[in-house]
Amino acid sequence: MKAKSILAALLLLFVAASVAAWVVREFGGGPGARGASQRTTHPTSASSPAAEEASPEVSDKVVAYYFHGNQRCDTCTTMEAYAREAIESGFGEGLRNGRIQWRVVNYDEPEHKHFRQDFDLVAPSLVLAAIHEGKQGEWEDLPRIWELKDDKASFLKYVQGELRAFCHSERSEESPLRR
């Protein structure tokens, strides 16, 4: 009986933390606040983990990261699947030539914990990051994935539109899709 009580308390704590993270993200006005995508220039050195993960054969690319933790709910796995589908169905050529890359990263693993700070992560997120000459530069969090999670068509359209805009951004002069 004690195990059930402990499990119930842990589940309640997880739900409370998830709701708190959602409230901060939606209404806190900080990174990823509702309705405002965040595009940030965050240069890192060539020896940073984000830059090391970039394929050496293509020095200019956009990486679409889906970040998650150890605890995964149905919503999180669904958003990952939708994001993957949006990118694979809308950017096949970019994926094939390496100019666009898809990566799923567990930010709870010790070697990936830096991503929480690098991209201001508080919950599972989809982040687009520009890599220029092996160095991470501009990046953008796509917070609307949470509000579109129950509308697959709108989710796909949103992700594809944001990736297209990110790749063609005036701020991204070396955009992989401009070539």
C-alpha atoms as a PDB file:
ATOM      1  CA  MET A   1       0.000   0.000   0.000  1.00  0.00           C
ATOM      2  CA  LYS A   2       2.880   2.354   0.767  1.00  0.00           C
ATOM      3  CA  ALA A   3       4.240   1.923  -2.781  1.00  0.00           C
ATOM      4  CA  LYS A   4       0.898   3.118  -4.186  1.00  0.00           C
ATOM      5  CA  SER A   5       1.009   6.220  -2.002  1.00  0.00           C
ATOM      6  CA  ILE A   6       4.569   7.014  -3.094  1.00  0.00           C
ATOM      7  CA  LEU A   7       3.698   6.475  -6.752  1.00  0.00           C
ATOM      8  CA  ALA A   8       0.614   8.683  -6.444  1.00  0.00           C
ATOM      9  CA  ALA A   9       2.679  11.433  -4.789  1.00  0.00           C
ATOM     10  CA  LEU A  10       5.323  11.233  -7.512  1.00  0.00           C
ATOM     11  CA  LEU A  11       2.701  11.419 -10.258  1.00  0.00           C
ATOM     12  CA  LEU A  12       1.050  14.390  -8.551  1.00  0.00           C
ATOM     13  CA  LEU A  13       4.439  16.115  -8.265  1.00  0.00           C
ATOM     14  CA  PHE A  14       5.138  15.482 -11.967  1.00  0.00           C
ATOM     15  CA  VAL A  15       1.749  16.911 -12.975  1.00  0.00           C
ATOM     16  CA  ALA A  16       2.263  19.972 -10.758  1.00  0.00           C
ATOM     17  CA  ALA A  17       5.737  20.589 -12.231  1.00  0.00           C
ATOM     18  CA  SER A  18       4.381  20.182 -15.767  1.00  0.00           C
ATOM     19  CA  VAL A  19       1.574  22.646 -15.130  1.00  0.00           C
ATOM     20  CA  ALA A  20       3.993  25.118 -13.534  1.00  0.00           C
ATOM     21  CA  ALA A  21       6.351  24.874 -16.525  1.00  0.00           C
ATOM     22  CA  TRP A  22       3.436  25.405 -18.896  1.00  0.00           C
ATOM     23  CA  VAL A  23       2.205  28.445 -16.935  1.00  0.00           C
ATOM     24  CA  VAL A  24       5.681  29.990 -16.916  1.00  0.00           C
ATOM     25  CA  ARG A  25       6.085  29.354 -20.625  1.00  0.00           C
ATOM     26  CA  GLU A  26       2.611  30.591 -21.588  1.00  0.00           C
ATOM     27  CA  PHE A  27       2.187  33.572 -19.304  1.00  0.00           C
ATOM     28  CA  GLY A  28       5.595  34.387 -17.877  1.00  0.00           C
ATOM     29  CA  GLY A  29       6.578  36.659 -20.764  1.00  0.00           C
ATOM     30  CA  GLY A  30       9.987  35.023 -20.812  1.00  0.00           C
ATOM     31  CA  PRO A  31      11.483  32.700 -23.414  1.00  0.00           C
ATOM     32  CA  GLY A  32       8.803  30.943 -25.382  1.00  0.00           C
ATOM     33  CA  ALA A  33       5.935  33.058 -24.037  1.00  0.00           C
ATOM     34  CA  ARG A  34       2.662  32.406 -25.814  1.00  0.00           C
ATOM     35  CA  GLY A  35       2.239  34.012 -29.182  1.00  0.00           C
ATOM     36  CA  ALA A  36       5.819  35.188 -29.434  1.00  0.00           C
ATOM     37  CA  SER A  37       8.366  32.969 -31.059  1.00  0.00           C
ATOM     38  CA  GLN A  38      11.840  33.553 -29.802  1.00  0.00           C
ATOM     39  CA  ARG A  39      14.629  34.121 -32.247  1.00  0.00           C
ATOM     40  CA  THR A  40      17.934  34.610 -30.545  1.00  0.00           C
ATOM     41  CA  THR A  41      21.487  34.927 -31.668  1.00  0.00           C
ATOM     42  CA  HIS A  42      23.512  32.670 -29.456  1.00  0.00           C
ATOM     43  CA  PRO A  43      26.986  32.263 -30.908  1.00  0.00           C
ATOM     44  CA  THR A  44      29.001  29.406 -29.510  1.00  0.00           C
ATOM     45  CA  SER A  45      32.551  28.354 -30.046  1.00  0.00           C
ATOM     46  CA  ALA A  46      33.355  25.716 -32.646  1.00  0.00           C
ATOM     47  CA  SER A  47      34.179  23.350 -29.797  1.00  0.00           C
ATOM     48  CA  SER A  48      30.736  23.635 -28.183  1.00  0.00           C
ATOM     49  CA  PRO A  49      28.636  20.459 -28.006  1.00  0.00           C
ATOM     50  CA  ALA A  50      26.023  21.951 -30.355  1.00  0.00           C
ATOM     51  CA  ALA A  51      28.688  22.733 -32.931  1.00  0.00           C
ATOM     52  CA  GLU A  52      30.380  19.350 -32.461  1.00  0.00           C
ATOM     53  CA  GLU A  53      27.111  17.602 -33.298  1.00  0.00           C
ATOM     54  CA  ALA A  54      26.947  19.493 -36.604  1.00  0.00           C
ATOM     55  CA  SER A  55      28.030  17.347 -39.528  1.00  0.00           C
ATOM     56  CA  PRO A  56      31.463  18.404 -40.747  1.00  0.00           C
ATOM     57  CA  GLU A  57      30.576  17.729 -44.397  1.00  0.00           C
ATOM     58  CA  VAL A  58      28.045  20.593 -44.472  1.00  0.00           C
ATOM     59  CA  SER A  59      29.229  23.701 -42.652  1.00  0.00           C
ATOM     60  CA  ASP A  60      26.028  25.742 -43.132  1.00  0.00           C
ATOM     61  CA  LYS A  61      22.784  24.117 -42.053  1.00  0.00           C
ATOM     62  CA  VAL A  62      19.682  24.407 -39.919  1.00  0.00           C
ATOM     63  CA  VAL A  63      19.168  21.837 -37.196  1.00  0.00           C
ATOM     64  CA  ALA A  64      15.636  21.143 -36.006  1.00  0.00           C
ATOM     65  CA  TYR A  65      15.940  19.828 -32.451  1.00  0.00           C
ATOM     66  CA  TYR A  66      13.098  18.143 -30.616  1.00  0.00           C
ATOM     67  CA  PHE A  67      14.027  18.253 -26.931  1.00  0.00           C
ATOM     68  CA  HIS A  68      12.461  16.002 -24.296  1.00  0.00           C
ATOM     69  CA  GLY A  69      13.243  14.686 -20.845  1.00  0.00           C
ATOM     70  CA  ASN A  70      13.322  11.216 -19.343  1.00  0.00           C
ATOM     71  CA  GLN A  71       9.614  11.307 -18.528  1.00  0.00           C
ATOM     72  CA  ARG A  72       7.578  11.210 -21.735  1.00  0.00           C
ATOM     73  CA  CYS A  73       3.832  11.520 -22.039  1.00  0.00           C
ATOM     74  CA  ASP A  74       1.642  10.744 -25.060  1.00  0.00           C
ATOM     75  CA  THR A  75       1.467  14.453 -25.948  1.00  0.00           C
ATOM     76  CA  CYS A  76       5.263  14.750 -26.056  1.00  0.00           C
ATOM     77  CA  THR A  77       5.726  11.689 -28.249  1.00  0.00           C
ATOM     78  CA  THR A  78       2.909  12.875 -30.529  1.00  0.00           C
ATOM     79  CA  MET A  79       4.500  16.320 -30.905  1.00  0.00           C
ATOM     80  CA  GLU A  80       7.823  14.684 -31.742  1.00  0.00           C
ATOM     81  CA  ALA A  81       6.164  12.517 -34.409  1.00  0.00           C
ATOM     82  CA  TYR A  82       4.282  15.494 -35.893  1.00  0.00           C
ATOM     83  CA  ALA A  83       7.432  17.632 -35.951  1.00  0.00           C
ATOM     84  CA  ARG A  84       9.398  14.862 -37.655  1.00  0.00           C
ATOM     85  CA  GLU A  85       6.625  14.401 -40.219  1.00  0.00           C
ATOM     86  CA  ALA A  86       6.419  18.148 -40.888  1.00  0.00           C
ATOM     87  CA  ILE A  87      10.133  18.354 -41.578  1.00  0.00           C
ATOM     88  CA  GLU A  88      10.425  15.121 -43.559  1.00  0.00           C
ATOM     89  CA  SER A  89       7.395  15.851 -45.728  1.00  0.00           C
ATOM     90  CA  GLY A  90       8.186  19.511 -46.324  1.00  0.00           C
ATOM     91  CA  PHE A  91      11.980  19.533 -46.555  1.00  0.00           C
ATOM     92  CA  GLY A  92      13.043  16.198 -48.029  1.00  0.00           C
ATOM     93  CA  GLU A  93      15.663  17.715 -50.330  1.00  0.00           C
ATOM     94  CA  GLY A  94      17.182  19.747 -47.493  1.00  0.00           C
ATOM     95  CA  LEU A  95      17.366  16.623 -45.325  1.00  0.00           C
ATOM     96  CA  ARG A  96      18.950  14.602 -48.142  1.00  0.00           C
ATOM     97  CA  ASN A  97      21.642  17.194 -48.881  1.00  0.00           C
ATOM     98  CA  GLY A  98      22.374  17.809 -45.186  1.00  0.00           C
ATOM     99  CA  ARG A  99      21.342  21.478 -45.202  1.00  0.00           C
ATOM    100  CA  ILE A 100      18.520  20.642 -42.788  1.00  0.00           C
ATOM    101  CA  GLN A 101      18.978  18.112 -40.018  1.00  0.00           C
ATOM    102  CA  TRP A 102      16.548  16.545 -37.563  1.00  0.00           C
ATOM    103  CA  ARG A 103      17.732  15.632 -34.071  1.00  0.00           C
ATOM    104  CA  VAL A 104      15.878  14.265 -31.069  1.00  0.00           C
ATOM    105  CA  VAL A 105      17.688  15.076 -27.827  1.00  0.00           C
ATOM    106  CA  ASN A 106      16.964  13.979 -24.258  1.00  0.00           C
ATOM    107  CA  TYR A 107      18.014  17.019 -22.221  1.00  0.00           C
ATOM    108  CA  ASP A 108      18.032  14.954 -19.014  1.00  0.00           C
ATOM    109  CA  GLU A 109      21.035  12.909 -20.167  1.00  0.00           C
ATOM    110  CA  PRO A 110      24.225  14.253 -18.574  1.00  0.00           C
ATOM    111  CA  GLU A 111      25.930  15.009 -21.909  1.00  0.00           C
ATOM    112  CA  HIS A 112      22.883  17.016 -23.090  1.00  0.00           C
ATOM    113  CA  LYS A 113      22.009  18.999 -19.942  1.00  0.00           C
ATOM    114  CA  HIS A 114      23.708  22.094 -21.394  1.00  0.00           C
ATOM    115  CA  PHE A 115      20.866  22.392 -23.923  1.00  0.00           C
ATOM    116  CA  ARG A 116      18.483  23.483 -21.132  1.00  0.00           C
ATOM    117  CA  GLN A 117      20.570  26.619 -20.622  1.00  0.00           C
ATOM    118  CA  ASP A 118      21.674  27.025 -24.258  1.00  0.00           C
ATOM    119  CA  PHE A 119      18.049  27.228 -25.450  1.00  0.00           C
ATOM    120  CA  ASP A 120      16.221  28.333 -22.258  1.00  0.00           C
ATOM    121  CA  LEU A 121      14.288  25.043 -22.123  1.00  0.00           C
ATOM    122  CA  VAL A 122      11.668  24.444 -19.432  1.00  0.00           C
ATOM    123  CA  ALA A 123       9.669  21.693 -21.134  1.00  0.00           C
ATOM    124  CA  PRO A 124       9.771  19.552 -24.274  1.00  0.00           C
ATOM    125  CA  SER A 125      10.408  21.944 -27.158  1.00  0.00           C
ATOM    126  CA  LEU A 126      11.070  22.239 -30.867  1.00  0.00           C
ATOM    127  CA  VAL A 127      14.019  24.537 -31.581  1.00  0.00           C
ATOM    128  CA  LEU A 128      15.497  25.606 -34.922  1.00  0.00           C
ATOM    129  CA  ALA A 129      19.201  26.463 -34.824  1.00  0.00           C
ATOM    130  CA  ALA A 130      21.385  27.865 -37.590  1.00  0.00           C
ATOM    131  CA  ILE A 131      24.883  26.434 -37.881  1.00  0.00           C
ATOM    132  CA  HIS A 132      27.313  28.542 -39.911  1.00  0.00           C
ATOM    133  CA  GLU A 133      30.843  27.295 -40.531  1.00  0.00           C
ATOM    134  CA  GLY A 134      30.414  24.784 -37.725  1.00  0.00           C
ATOM    135  CA  LYS A 135      29.282  27.365 -35.150  1.00  0.00           C
ATOM    136  CA  GLN A 136      25.808  27.704 -33.710  1.00  0.00           C
ATOM    137  CA  GLY A 137      24.276  31.103 -34.242  1.00  0.00           C
ATOM    138  CA  GLU A 138      20.683  32.266 -34.420  1.00  0.00           C
ATOM    139  CA  TRP A 139      18.000  29.993 -32.979  1.00  0.00           C
ATOM    140  CA  GLU A 140      14.261  30.015 -32.545  1.00  0.00           C
ATOM    141  CA  ASP A 141      11.942  28.170 -30.175  1.00  0.00           C
ATOM    142  CA  LEU A 142       8.553  27.153 -31.629  1.00  0.00           C
ATOM    143  CA  PRO A 143       6.217  27.440 -28.615  1.00  0.00           C
ATOM    144  CA  ARG A 144       2.926  27.069 -30.520  1.00  0.00           C
ATOM    145  CA  ILE A 145       3.479  23.326 -30.872  1.00  0.00           C
ATOM    146  CA  TRP A 146       1.802  23.003 -27.474  1.00  0.00           C
ATOM    147  CA  GLU A 147      -1.382  24.794 -28.492  1.00  0.00           C
ATOM    148  CA  LEU A 148      -1.534  22.973 -31.863  1.00  0.00           C
ATOM    149  CA  LYS A 149      -0.867  19.480 -30.474  1.00  0.00           C
ATOM    150  CA  ASP A 150      -4.484  18.407 -31.047  1.00  0.00           C
ATOM    151  CA  ASP A 151      -4.686  19.730 -34.627  1.00  0.00           C
ATOM    152  CA  LYS A 152      -2.193  17.795 -36.749  1.00  0.00           C
ATOM    153  CA  ALA A 153      -2.788  19.743 -39.981  1.00  0.00           C
ATOM    154  CA  SER A 154      -2.265  23.106 -38.240  1.00  0.00           C
ATOM    155  CA  PHE A 155       0.758  21.726 -36.377  1.00  0.00           C
ATOM    156  CA  LEU A 156       2.410  20.569 -39.626  1.00  0.00           C
ATOM    157  CA  LYS A 157       1.635  23.862 -41.364  1.00  0.00           C
ATOM    158  CA  TYR A 158       3.008  25.882 -38.428  1.00  0.00           C
ATOM    159  CA  VAL A 159       6.280  23.939 -38.211  1.00  0.00           C
ATOM    160  CA  GLN A 160       6.848  24.018 -41.970  1.00  0.00           C
ATOM    161  CA  GLY A 161       6.055  27.734 -42.150  1.00  0.00           C
ATOM    162  CA  GLU A 162       8.363  28.567 -39.258  1.00  0.00           C
ATOM    163  CA  LEU A 163      11.211  26.481 -40.679  1.00  0.00           C
ATOM    164  CA  ARG A 164      10.764  28.046 -44.109  1.00  0.00           C
ATOM    165  CA  ALA A 165      10.729  31.562 -42.573  1.00  0.00           C
ATOM    166  CA  PHE A 166      13.745  30.748 -40.411  1.00  0.00           C
ATOM    167  CA  CYS A 167      15.716  29.495 -43.407  1.00  0.00           C
ATOM    168  CA  HIS A 168      14.808  32.549 -45.491  1.00  0.00           C
ATOM    169  CA  SER A 169      15.134  35.092 -42.705  1.00  0.00           C
ATOM    170  CA  GLU A 170      16.864  38.366 -43.512  1.00  0.00           C
ATOM    171  CA  ARG A 171      18.782  37.840 -40.285  1.00  0.00           C
ATOM    172  CA  SER A 172      20.052  34.550 -41.613  1.00  0.00           C
ATOM    173  CA  GLU A 173      22.095  35.765 -44.592  1.00  0.00           C
ATOM    174  CA  GLU A 174      23.931  32.464 -44.875  1.00  0.00           C
ATOM    175  CA  SER A 175      20.724  30.466 -44.875  1.00  0.00           C
ATOM    176  CA  PRO A 176      21.155  26.912 -46.135  1.00  0.00           C
ATOM    177  CA  LEU A 177      17.970  27.186 -48.199  1.00  0.00           C
ATOM    178  CA  ARG A 178      19.077  30.339 -50.023  1.00  0.00           C
ATOM    179  CA  ARG A 179      21.532  28.314 -52.030  1.00  0.00           C
END
